[in-house]
Amino acid sequence: MHVQEWLDSVPAAAVYAVVALVIGLESLGIPLPGEIVLVSAALMSSHHSGINPVVLGACATAGAVIGDSIGYAIGRKGGRPLLAWLGSKFPRHFSEGHVATAERSFEKWGMWAVFFGRFVALLRIFAGPLAGVLHMPYWKFLIANVLGGICWAGGTTAVVYYVGVVAEDWLKRFSYLGLVVALLIGLTSMLVIRRKAKKAAAEKREAEPEPVPAND
């Protein structure tokens, strides 16, 4: 079932919980479609009175921050053997190449890798555990984690919500505009057809030979 259709079938409170849980698990290091769930829920909030976009953004942010923090703690305790184990279980996401790419990003950008990693699918999964494996100071990680979570989760919710509101309003206007255009097209077509029909009838009368009077 489509994500948005599934979210639409559950109560609003469950939507908040699902968004927070999926994003939290993804931030923890489990490859789940957190961004897809967030975008779908934010789009729903633009036309679903039961879903508050502010509460949704807060739940998404909380899931992101808490999930990343748990991932950091697990990575710090598990170390590189944890990455090797994840690579054996999820080779598509935790392959040696992906780990090396993420590690180079952390070595080059430090805290910014955690912050901007929230906006990149691959780094979003790696950020917490890898920061722990590399023993990044927790206070640095926490600052970048909180700011990144707020900007990504809150920003995505706000942008998608307002886009959805504008799109819905535009579609409502477009429906009335489409009705007017359809009526104008229909009226114009009828007038054109009637004009052509009259013209064709006139040409037919002109082309018909005049009757010859009979001789007495």
C-alpha atoms as a PDB file:
ATOM      1  CA  MET A   1       0.000   0.000   0.000  1.00  0.00           C
ATOM      2  CA  HIS A   2       1.183   3.511  -0.775  1.00  0.00           C
ATOM      3  CA  VAL A   3       2.708   5.282   2.238  1.00  0.00           C
ATOM      4  CA  GLN A   4       0.283   8.211   2.137  1.00  0.00           C
ATOM      5  CA  GLU A   5      -2.724   5.933   1.709  1.00  0.00           C
ATOM      6  CA  TRP A   6      -1.602   3.897   4.712  1.00  0.00           C
ATOM      7  CA  LEU A   7      -1.036   6.999   6.851  1.00  0.00           C
ATOM      8  CA  ASP A   8      -4.449   8.286   5.835  1.00  0.00           C
ATOM      9  CA  SER A   9      -6.032   5.089   7.160  1.00  0.00           C
ATOM     10  CA  VAL A  10      -4.733   5.462  10.736  1.00  0.00           C
ATOM     11  CA  PRO A  11      -5.656   8.016  13.470  1.00  0.00           C
ATOM     12  CA  ALA A  12      -3.775  11.319  13.625  1.00  0.00           C
ATOM     13  CA  ALA A  13      -2.019  10.339  16.872  1.00  0.00           C
ATOM     14  CA  ALA A  14      -0.703   7.212  15.162  1.00  0.00           C
ATOM     15  CA  VAL A  15       0.649   9.328  12.282  1.00  0.00           C
ATOM     16  CA  TYR A  16       2.748  11.361  14.735  1.00  0.00           C
ATOM     17  CA  ALA A  17       4.029   8.182  16.363  1.00  0.00           C
ATOM     18  CA  VAL A  18       4.827   6.465  13.060  1.00  0.00           C
ATOM     19  CA  VAL A  19       6.736   9.496  11.756  1.00  0.00           C
ATOM     20  CA  ALA A  20       8.771   9.811  14.960  1.00  0.00           C
ATOM     21  CA  LEU A  21       9.455   6.059  15.099  1.00  0.00           C
ATOM     22  CA  VAL A  22      10.488   5.608  11.452  1.00  0.00           C
ATOM     23  CA  ILE A  23      12.740   8.681  11.478  1.00  0.00           C
ATOM     24  CA  GLY A  24      14.185   7.641  14.832  1.00  0.00           C
ATOM     25  CA  LEU A  25      15.011   4.138  13.607  1.00  0.00           C
ATOM     26  CA  GLU A  26      16.517   5.501  10.399  1.00  0.00           C
ATOM     27  CA  SER A  27      18.657   7.955  12.383  1.00  0.00           C
ATOM     28  CA  LEU A  28      19.696   5.109  14.653  1.00  0.00           C
ATOM     29  CA  GLY A  29      21.200   3.340  11.647  1.00  0.00           C
ATOM     30  CA  ILE A  30      18.386   1.156  10.299  1.00  0.00           C
ATOM     31  CA  PRO A  31      17.762   1.845   6.576  1.00  0.00           C
ATOM     32  CA  LEU A  32      14.114   2.960   6.506  1.00  0.00           C
ATOM     33  CA  PRO A  33      12.352   5.537   4.260  1.00  0.00           C
ATOM     34  CA  GLY A  34      12.163   8.288   6.879  1.00  0.00           C
ATOM     35  CA  GLU A  35      12.098  11.129   4.374  1.00  0.00           C
ATOM     36  CA  ILE A  36       9.286   9.549   2.345  1.00  0.00           C
ATOM     37  CA  VAL A  37       7.174   9.057   5.475  1.00  0.00           C
ATOM     38  CA  LEU A  38       7.818  12.636   6.618  1.00  0.00           C
ATOM     39  CA  VAL A  39       6.963  14.172   3.241  1.00  0.00           C
ATOM     40  CA  SER A  40       3.796  12.051   2.961  1.00  0.00           C
ATOM     41  CA  ALA A  41       2.642  13.019   6.459  1.00  0.00           C
ATOM     42  CA  ALA A  42       3.425  16.713   5.896  1.00  0.00           C
ATOM     43  CA  LEU A  43       1.461  16.668   2.659  1.00  0.00           C
ATOM     44  CA  MET A  44      -1.452  15.077   4.510  1.00  0.00           C
ATOM     45  CA  SER A  45      -1.354  17.816   7.146  1.00  0.00           C
ATOM     46  CA  SER A  46      -1.984  20.428   4.442  1.00  0.00           C
ATOM     47  CA  HIS A  47      -5.472  19.045   3.762  1.00  0.00           C
ATOM     48  CA  HIS A  48      -6.176  16.946   6.877  1.00  0.00           C
ATOM     49  CA  SER A  49      -7.570  19.018   9.738  1.00  0.00           C
ATOM     50  CA  GLY A  50      -6.709  16.338  12.282  1.00  0.00           C
ATOM     51  CA  ILE A  51      -2.945  16.526  11.684  1.00  0.00           C
ATOM     52  CA  ASN A  52      -1.195  19.604  13.066  1.00  0.00           C
ATOM     53  CA  PRO A  53       1.958  20.456  11.059  1.00  0.00           C
ATOM     54  CA  VAL A  54       3.627  22.021  14.122  1.00  0.00           C
ATOM     55  CA  VAL A  55       3.112  18.869  16.203  1.00  0.00           C
ATOM     56  CA  LEU A  56       4.204  16.752  13.218  1.00  0.00           C
ATOM     57  CA  GLY A  57       7.412  18.762  12.809  1.00  0.00           C
ATOM     58  CA  ALA A  58       8.123  18.517  16.540  1.00  0.00           C
ATOM     59  CA  CYS A  59       7.627  14.715  16.515  1.00  0.00           C
ATOM     60  CA  ALA A  60       9.841  14.331  13.456  1.00  0.00           C
ATOM     61  CA  THR A  61      12.550  16.480  15.074  1.00  0.00           C
ATOM     62  CA  ALA A  62      12.364  14.528  18.319  1.00  0.00           C
ATOM     63  CA  GLY A  63      12.632  11.236  16.442  1.00  0.00           C
ATOM     64  CA  ALA A  64      15.643  12.492  14.496  1.00  0.00           C
ATOM     65  CA  VAL A  65      17.512  13.821  17.542  1.00  0.00           C
ATOM     66  CA  ILE A  66      16.756  10.854  19.826  1.00  0.00           C
ATOM     67  CA  GLY A  67      17.498   8.296  17.105  1.00  0.00           C
ATOM     68  CA  ASP A  68      20.826   9.928  16.259  1.00  0.00           C
ATOM     69  CA  SER A  69      21.794  10.061  19.943  1.00  0.00           C
ATOM     70  CA  ILE A  70      21.027   6.369  20.419  1.00  0.00           C
ATOM     71  CA  GLY A  71      22.962   5.584  17.233  1.00  0.00           C
ATOM     72  CA  TYR A  72      25.905   7.590  18.586  1.00  0.00           C
ATOM     73  CA  ALA A  73      25.884   5.622  21.853  1.00  0.00           C
ATOM     74  CA  ILE A  74      25.688   2.295  19.999  1.00  0.00           C
ATOM     75  CA  GLY A  75      28.483   3.288  17.617  1.00  0.00           C
ATOM     76  CA  ARG A  76      30.724   4.478  20.445  1.00  0.00           C
ATOM     77  CA  LYS A  77      30.256   1.191  22.293  1.00  0.00           C
ATOM     78  CA  GLY A  78      30.330  -1.145  19.303  1.00  0.00           C
ATOM     79  CA  GLY A  79      33.178   0.486  17.397  1.00  0.00           C
ATOM     80  CA  ARG A  80      34.322  -0.733  13.990  1.00  0.00           C
ATOM     81  CA  PRO A  81      33.200  -4.338  14.595  1.00  0.00           C
ATOM     82  CA  LEU A  82      29.665  -2.909  14.624  1.00  0.00           C
ATOM     83  CA  LEU A  83      30.160  -1.403  11.151  1.00  0.00           C
ATOM     84  CA  ALA A  84      31.505  -4.731   9.908  1.00  0.00           C
ATOM     85  CA  TRP A  85      28.456  -6.526  11.307  1.00  0.00           C
ATOM     86  CA  LEU A  86      26.093  -3.980   9.739  1.00  0.00           C
ATOM     87  CA  GLY A  87      27.918  -4.441   6.445  1.00  0.00           C
ATOM     88  CA  SER A  88      27.214  -8.169   6.546  1.00  0.00           C
ATOM     89  CA  LYS A  89      23.531  -7.607   7.363  1.00  0.00           C
ATOM     90  CA  PHE A  90      22.866  -4.597   5.127  1.00  0.00           C
ATOM     91  CA  PRO A  91      25.492  -4.743   2.361  1.00  0.00           C
ATOM     92  CA  ARG A  92      23.530  -2.342   0.172  1.00  0.00           C
ATOM     93  CA  HIS A  93      23.714   0.457   2.733  1.00  0.00           C
ATOM     94  CA  PHE A  94      26.735  -0.403   4.882  1.00  0.00           C
ATOM     95  CA  SER A  95      29.177  -1.615   2.240  1.00  0.00           C
ATOM     96  CA  GLU A  96      32.874  -0.814   2.690  1.00  0.00           C
ATOM     97  CA  GLY A  97      32.627   1.829  -0.017  1.00  0.00           C
ATOM     98  CA  HIS A  98      29.709   3.605   1.663  1.00  0.00           C
ATOM     99  CA  VAL A  99      31.411   3.466   5.060  1.00  0.00           C
ATOM    100  CA  ALA A 100      34.619   4.867   3.584  1.00  0.00           C
ATOM    101  CA  THR A 101      32.736   7.696   1.858  1.00  0.00           C
ATOM    102  CA  ALA A 102      30.909   8.628   5.061  1.00  0.00           C
ATOM    103  CA  GLU A 103      34.110   8.420   7.088  1.00  0.00           C
ATOM    104  CA  ARG A 104      35.938  10.783   4.696  1.00  0.00           C
ATOM    105  CA  SER A 105      33.052  13.233   5.030  1.00  0.00           C
ATOM    106  CA  PHE A 106      33.314  13.134   8.823  1.00  0.00           C
ATOM    107  CA  GLU A 107      37.087  13.558   8.795  1.00  0.00           C
ATOM    108  CA  LYS A 108      36.807  16.539   6.447  1.00  0.00           C
ATOM    109  CA  TRP A 109      33.753  18.332   7.837  1.00  0.00           C
ATOM    110  CA  GLY A 110      33.420  17.173  11.460  1.00  0.00           C
ATOM    111  CA  MET A 111      30.295  18.655  13.041  1.00  0.00           C
ATOM    112  CA  TRP A 112      29.069  19.896   9.666  1.00  0.00           C
ATOM    113  CA  ALA A 113      28.972  16.303   8.435  1.00  0.00           C
ATOM    114  CA  VAL A 114      26.444  15.542  11.184  1.00  0.00           C
ATOM    115  CA  PHE A 115      24.440  18.680  10.384  1.00  0.00           C
ATOM    116  CA  PHE A 116      24.358  18.357   6.592  1.00  0.00           C
ATOM    117  CA  GLY A 117      24.248  14.579   6.819  1.00  0.00           C
ATOM    118  CA  ARG A 118      20.650  14.970   7.943  1.00  0.00           C
ATOM    119  CA  PHE A 119      19.804  16.154   4.408  1.00  0.00           C
ATOM    120  CA  VAL A 120      21.608  13.278   2.628  1.00  0.00           C
ATOM    121  CA  ALA A 121      20.019   9.817   2.656  1.00  0.00           C
ATOM    122  CA  LEU A 122      23.296   7.897   3.047  1.00  0.00           C
ATOM    123  CA  LEU A 123      24.758  10.125   5.760  1.00  0.00           C
ATOM    124  CA  ARG A 124      21.407  10.307   7.545  1.00  0.00           C
ATOM    125  CA  ILE A 125      21.760   6.585   8.312  1.00  0.00           C
ATOM    126  CA  PHE A 126      25.482   6.803   9.142  1.00  0.00           C
ATOM    127  CA  ALA A 127      25.677  10.057  11.096  1.00  0.00           C
ATOM    128  CA  GLY A 128      24.892   8.792  14.596  1.00  0.00           C
ATOM    129  CA  PRO A 129      26.709   5.432  14.640  1.00  0.00           C
ATOM    130  CA  LEU A 130      29.740   6.705  12.719  1.00  0.00           C
ATOM    131  CA  ALA A 131      30.146   9.768  14.960  1.00  0.00           C
ATOM    132  CA  GLY A 132      30.211   7.375  17.904  1.00  0.00           C
ATOM    133  CA  VAL A 133      32.683   5.014  16.221  1.00  0.00           C
ATOM    134  CA  LEU A 134      35.012   7.952  15.474  1.00  0.00           C
ATOM    135  CA  HIS A 135      34.653   9.192  19.090  1.00  0.00           C
ATOM    136  CA  MET A 136      33.443  12.664  18.159  1.00  0.00           C
ATOM    137  CA  PRO A 137      32.946  14.676  21.383  1.00  0.00           C
ATOM    138  CA  TYR A 138      29.314  14.243  22.340  1.00  0.00           C
ATOM    139  CA  TRP A 139      28.684  17.953  22.936  1.00  0.00           C
ATOM    140  CA  LYS A 140      29.750  18.722  19.359  1.00  0.00           C
ATOM    141  CA  PHE A 141      27.645  15.865  18.048  1.00  0.00           C
ATOM    142  CA  LEU A 142      24.628  16.948  20.098  1.00  0.00           C
ATOM    143  CA  ILE A 143      24.742  20.567  18.851  1.00  0.00           C
ATOM    144  CA  ALA A 144      25.006  19.481  15.213  1.00  0.00           C
ATOM    145  CA  ASN A 145      22.410  16.763  15.769  1.00  0.00           C
ATOM    146  CA  VAL A 146      19.804  19.095  17.290  1.00  0.00           C
ATOM    147  CA  LEU A 147      20.321  21.880  14.750  1.00  0.00           C
ATOM    148  CA  GLY A 148      20.303  19.449  11.843  1.00  0.00           C
ATOM    149  CA  GLY A 149      17.184  17.711  13.139  1.00  0.00           C
ATOM    150  CA  ILE A 150      15.302  20.985  13.552  1.00  0.00           C
ATOM    151  CA  CYS A 151      16.310  22.333  10.127  1.00  0.00           C
ATOM    152  CA  TRP A 152      15.662  19.072   8.269  1.00  0.00           C
ATOM    153  CA  ALA A 153      12.523  17.780  10.011  1.00  0.00           C
ATOM    154  CA  GLY A 154      10.960  21.157  10.777  1.00  0.00           C
ATOM    155  CA  GLY A 155      11.986  22.700   7.464  1.00  0.00           C
ATOM    156  CA  THR A 156      10.760  19.765   5.387  1.00  0.00           C
ATOM    157  CA  THR A 157       7.429  19.735   7.208  1.00  0.00           C
ATOM    158  CA  ALA A 158       6.933  23.485   6.752  1.00  0.00           C
ATOM    159  CA  VAL A 159       7.888  23.542   3.066  1.00  0.00           C
ATOM    160  CA  VAL A 160       5.775  20.519   2.110  1.00  0.00           C
ATOM    161  CA  TYR A 161       2.829  21.781   4.180  1.00  0.00           C
ATOM    162  CA  TYR A 162       2.754  25.208   2.518  1.00  0.00           C
ATOM    163  CA  VAL A 163       3.311  23.732  -0.929  1.00  0.00           C
ATOM    164  CA  GLY A 164       0.359  21.405  -0.294  1.00  0.00           C
ATOM    165  CA  VAL A 165      -1.875  24.287   0.855  1.00  0.00           C
ATOM    166  CA  VAL A 166      -0.975  26.415  -2.168  1.00  0.00           C
ATOM    167  CA  ALA A 167      -1.401  23.480  -4.546  1.00  0.00           C
ATOM    168  CA  GLU A 168      -4.806  22.585  -3.093  1.00  0.00           C
ATOM    169  CA  ASP A 169      -5.975  26.202  -3.321  1.00  0.00           C
ATOM    170  CA  TRP A 170      -4.709  26.442  -6.890  1.00  0.00           C
ATOM    171  CA  LEU A 171      -6.444  23.210  -7.849  1.00  0.00           C
ATOM    172  CA  LYS A 172      -9.723  24.492  -6.397  1.00  0.00           C
ATOM    173  CA  ARG A 173      -9.407  27.652  -8.454  1.00  0.00           C
ATOM    174  CA  PHE A 174      -8.375  25.629 -11.447  1.00  0.00           C
ATOM    175  CA  SER A 175     -11.516  23.487 -11.158  1.00  0.00           C
ATOM    176  CA  TYR A 176     -13.734  26.579 -11.491  1.00  0.00           C
ATOM    177  CA  LEU A 177     -11.522  27.985 -14.221  1.00  0.00           C
ATOM    178  CA  GLY A 178     -11.643  24.650 -16.022  1.00  0.00           C
ATOM    179  CA  LEU A 179     -15.438  24.647 -15.857  1.00  0.00           C
ATOM    180  CA  VAL A 180     -15.618  28.153 -17.377  1.00  0.00           C
ATOM    181  CA  VAL A 181     -13.126  27.220 -20.090  1.00  0.00           C
ATOM    182  CA  ALA A 182     -15.053  24.042 -20.866  1.00  0.00           C
ATOM    183  CA  LEU A 183     -18.308  26.018 -21.193  1.00  0.00           C
ATOM    184  CA  LEU A 184     -16.654  28.587 -23.461  1.00  0.00           C
ATOM    185  CA  ILE A 185     -15.140  25.858 -25.622  1.00  0.00           C
ATOM    186  CA  GLY A 186     -18.509  24.105 -25.854  1.00  0.00           C
ATOM    187  CA  LEU A 187     -20.340  27.320 -26.747  1.00  0.00           C
ATOM    188  CA  THR A 188     -17.731  28.295 -29.331  1.00  0.00           C
ATOM    189  CA  SER A 189     -17.793  24.832 -30.875  1.00  0.00           C
ATOM    190  CA  MET A 190     -21.600  24.935 -31.114  1.00  0.00           C
ATOM    191  CA  LEU A 191     -21.551  28.345 -32.815  1.00  0.00           C
ATOM    192  CA  VAL A 192     -18.838  27.260 -35.254  1.00  0.00           C
ATOM    193  CA  ILE A 193     -20.705  24.071 -36.123  1.00  0.00           C
ATOM    194  CA  ARG A 194     -23.969  25.962 -36.641  1.00  0.00           C
ATOM    195  CA  ARG A 195     -22.210  28.503 -38.863  1.00  0.00           C
ATOM    196  CA  LYS A 196     -20.589  25.778 -40.931  1.00  0.00           C
ATOM    197  CA  ALA A 197     -23.894  23.945 -41.210  1.00  0.00           C
ATOM    198  CA  LYS A 198     -25.648  27.077 -42.512  1.00  0.00           C
ATOM    199  CA  LYS A 199     -22.823  27.727 -44.949  1.00  0.00           C
ATOM    200  CA  ALA A 200     -22.909  24.148 -46.209  1.00  0.00           C
ATOM    201  CA  ALA A 201     -26.682  24.323 -46.651  1.00  0.00           C
ATOM    202  CA  ALA A 202     -26.409  27.591 -48.596  1.00  0.00           C
ATOM    203  CA  GLU A 203     -23.709  26.167 -50.863  1.00  0.00           C
ATOM    204  CA  LYS A 204     -25.824  23.080 -51.459  1.00  0.00           C
ATOM    205  CA  ARG A 205     -28.817  25.203 -52.498  1.00  0.00           C
ATOM    206  CA  GLU A 206     -26.660  27.231 -54.873  1.00  0.00           C
ATOM    207  CA  ALA A 207     -25.210  24.088 -56.416  1.00  0.00           C
ATOM    208  CA  GLU A 208     -28.605  22.501 -57.077  1.00  0.00           C
ATOM    209  CA  PRO A 209     -29.803  23.069 -60.689  1.00  0.00           C
ATOM    210  CA  GLU A 210     -32.875  25.187 -61.111  1.00  0.00           C
ATOM    211  CA  PRO A 211     -35.941  23.175 -62.142  1.00  0.00           C
ATOM    212  CA  VAL A 212     -36.747  23.414 -65.888  1.00  0.00           C
ATOM    213  CA  PRO A 213     -40.385  24.369 -66.538  1.00  0.00           C
ATOM    214  CA  ALA A 214     -42.311  21.741 -68.502  1.00  0.00           C
ATOM    215  CA  ASN A 215     -43.477  22.619 -72.068  1.00  0.00           C
ATOM    216  CA  ASP A 216     -47.131  23.007 -72.605  1.00  0.00           C
END
